[in-house]
Protein backbone atom coordinates (compact mmCIF):
# COMPACT_ATOMS: atom_id res chain seq x y z
CA MET A 1 -0.37 44.43 -1.92
CA ARG A 2 0.11 40.50 -2.30
CA PRO A 3 -1.68 38.57 -4.85
CA GLN A 4 -4.31 36.55 -3.73
CA ALA A 5 -3.40 32.79 -3.49
CA GLU A 6 -5.65 29.82 -2.92
CA ALA A 7 -4.89 26.66 -1.47
CA LYS A 8 -5.43 23.67 -3.48
CA VAL A 9 -7.33 20.48 -1.60
CA ILE A 10 -7.03 17.29 -3.18
CA ARG A 11 -9.10 14.28 -1.67
CA SER A 12 -7.22 10.87 -2.81
CA ALA A 13 -10.53 8.98 -2.14
CA GLU A 14 -12.10 11.28 -4.89
CA VAL A 15 -9.29 10.55 -7.40
CA GLU A 16 -9.92 8.03 -10.04
CA PRO A 17 -7.36 5.14 -9.44
CA THR A 18 -5.23 4.44 -12.61
CA SER A 19 -4.20 0.58 -12.80
CA PHE A 20 -0.60 -0.44 -12.51
CA GLY A 21 -1.06 -4.18 -13.28
CA PRO A 22 -3.35 -6.75 -11.28
CA LEU A 23 -1.38 -5.72 -7.88
CA ALA A 24 -1.34 -1.97 -7.85
CA ASP A 25 -3.14 1.33 -8.57
CA TYR A 26 -2.24 4.99 -8.51
CA ARG A 27 -4.19 8.02 -7.51
CA ARG A 28 -2.28 11.28 -9.14
CA LEU A 29 -2.72 14.09 -6.58
CA THR A 30 -0.94 16.99 -8.44
CA GLY A 31 0.91 17.27 -11.72
CA GLN A 32 0.48 18.93 -15.04
CA ASP A 33 -1.50 21.21 -13.10
CA GLY A 34 0.61 24.24 -12.72
CA LEU A 35 2.33 23.13 -9.40
CA PRO A 36 6.19 22.17 -9.70
CA VAL A 37 6.13 18.40 -8.34
CA PHE A 38 4.08 15.37 -9.42
CA THR A 39 2.76 13.57 -6.64
CA GLY A 40 0.59 10.45 -6.12
CA VAL A 41 -0.40 7.62 -3.72
CA GLN A 42 0.25 4.04 -5.02
CA THR A 43 -1.55 1.00 -3.26
CA CYS A 44 0.21 -2.16 -3.76
CA ALA A 45 -0.76 -5.84 -2.91
CA PRO A 46 1.56 -8.49 -1.37
CA GLY A 47 3.60 -9.85 -4.48
CA TYR A 48 4.28 -6.36 -6.49
CA ALA A 49 7.42 -5.16 -7.49
CA THR A 50 7.86 -2.29 -10.10
CA PRO A 51 10.37 -3.21 -13.17
CA LEU A 52 13.77 -1.74 -13.07
CA HIS A 53 13.35 1.86 -13.82
CA TRP A 54 14.58 5.41 -13.64
CA HIS A 55 13.27 9.26 -13.52
CA PRO A 56 15.16 12.08 -14.62
CA TYR A 57 14.80 13.64 -11.40
CA VAL A 58 14.81 12.85 -7.86
CA GLU A 59 11.82 10.88 -6.47
CA CYS A 60 10.76 10.63 -2.83
CA LEU A 61 8.76 7.73 -1.69
CA PHE A 62 7.27 7.89 1.63
CA VAL A 63 5.41 4.78 3.20
CA LEU A 64 1.96 5.55 4.46
CA GLU A 65 1.11 1.70 5.60
CA GLY A 66 2.38 -1.41 5.18
CA ALA A 67 6.23 -2.35 4.07
CA MET A 68 8.76 -2.01 1.36
CA GLU A 69 11.92 -2.91 -0.02
CA ALA A 70 13.95 -0.66 -2.41
CA TRP A 71 17.33 -0.49 -4.35
CA LEU A 72 19.29 0.91 -6.77
CA GLU A 73 20.60 -1.22 -9.68
CA GLY A 74 23.41 -3.30 -8.49
CA GLN A 75 22.26 -3.24 -4.73
CA GLU A 76 19.83 -6.16 -5.14
CA ASP A 77 21.67 -8.04 -2.25
CA ASN A 78 21.12 -5.02 -0.07
CA PRO A 79 17.82 -3.46 0.01
CA SER A 80 16.55 -0.73 1.98
CA HIS A 81 13.68 -1.82 4.25
CA LEU A 82 11.00 0.90 5.12
CA GLY A 83 7.72 1.19 7.21
CA PRO A 84 5.33 3.44 7.89
CA GLY A 85 6.78 6.99 8.56
CA ASP A 86 9.81 5.67 6.44
CA MET A 87 11.09 7.64 3.17
CA ILE A 88 13.71 6.94 0.76
CA ALA A 89 14.99 9.58 -1.69
CA LEU A 90 16.07 7.95 -5.15
CA PRO A 91 18.73 10.06 -7.11
CA ALA A 92 18.02 11.46 -10.51
CA CYS A 93 18.71 9.17 -13.52
CA ALA A 94 19.37 6.22 -10.83
CA PRO A 95 17.64 2.76 -12.02
CA HIS A 96 16.04 1.47 -8.92
CA VAL A 97 13.33 -1.10 -8.01
CA PHE A 98 10.89 -1.15 -5.00
CA ARG A 99 8.56 -3.80 -4.06
CA THR A 100 6.03 -5.07 -1.17
CA PHE A 101 7.72 -6.40 1.60
CA GLY A 102 5.61 -9.11 3.82
CA ASP A 103 1.92 -10.12 3.51
CA GLN A 104 0.17 -6.49 3.99
CA THR A 105 -0.80 -3.91 1.58
CA LEU A 106 1.74 -1.28 0.90
CA ARG A 107 0.42 2.50 0.44
CA ILE A 108 3.25 4.88 -0.58
CA LEU A 109 3.16 8.82 -1.20
CA GLY A 110 5.43 9.39 -4.20
CA ILE A 111 6.71 12.74 -4.72
CA HIS A 112 8.46 13.67 -8.10
CA ALA A 113 10.61 16.50 -8.36
CA SER A 114 9.29 17.57 -11.69
CA PRO A 115 5.62 18.72 -12.71
CA THR A 116 5.37 15.63 -15.05
CA ARG A 117 5.78 11.97 -14.20
CA ILE A 118 8.54 10.22 -16.36
CA VAL A 119 9.30 6.66 -16.27
CA ASN A 120 12.15 5.14 -18.03
CA VAL A 121 11.82 1.22 -17.93
CA VAL A 122 15.51 -0.46 -18.21
CA SER A 123 13.95 -4.00 -17.74
CA ASP A 124 10.52 -5.22 -17.20
CA ASN A 125 9.33 -8.08 -14.92
CA SER A 126 5.52 -7.55 -15.87
CA ALA A 127 4.88 -4.81 -13.33
CA THR A 128 4.02 -1.31 -14.06
CA VAL A 129 5.30 1.54 -12.46
């Protein structure tokens, strides 16, 4: 007989947001709760950009609304442009930046290949990640 499993439902609208500075907030969906991934929805106003940072695991960013640019350190002159339905997979230990592109609000689903969100800031341009 298989052990009884229970699905976990998390409603983003019911999660208390964490401020990521004046232009962004973050709603943690999973993480540090027994699941093997850390996920959250980040909402970013026009003008938002992260500082250069990295994670010791793969991070996937899936665009829900709006548009973003993202790049790895040293590739600032050739950013990836993403819109709704697009995803970027950022390699472990690779410093990167992402920012809102254009004049619309950006909403992304962040998927961290770790049960704990770990952020290592390389340089700060006064944004919080």
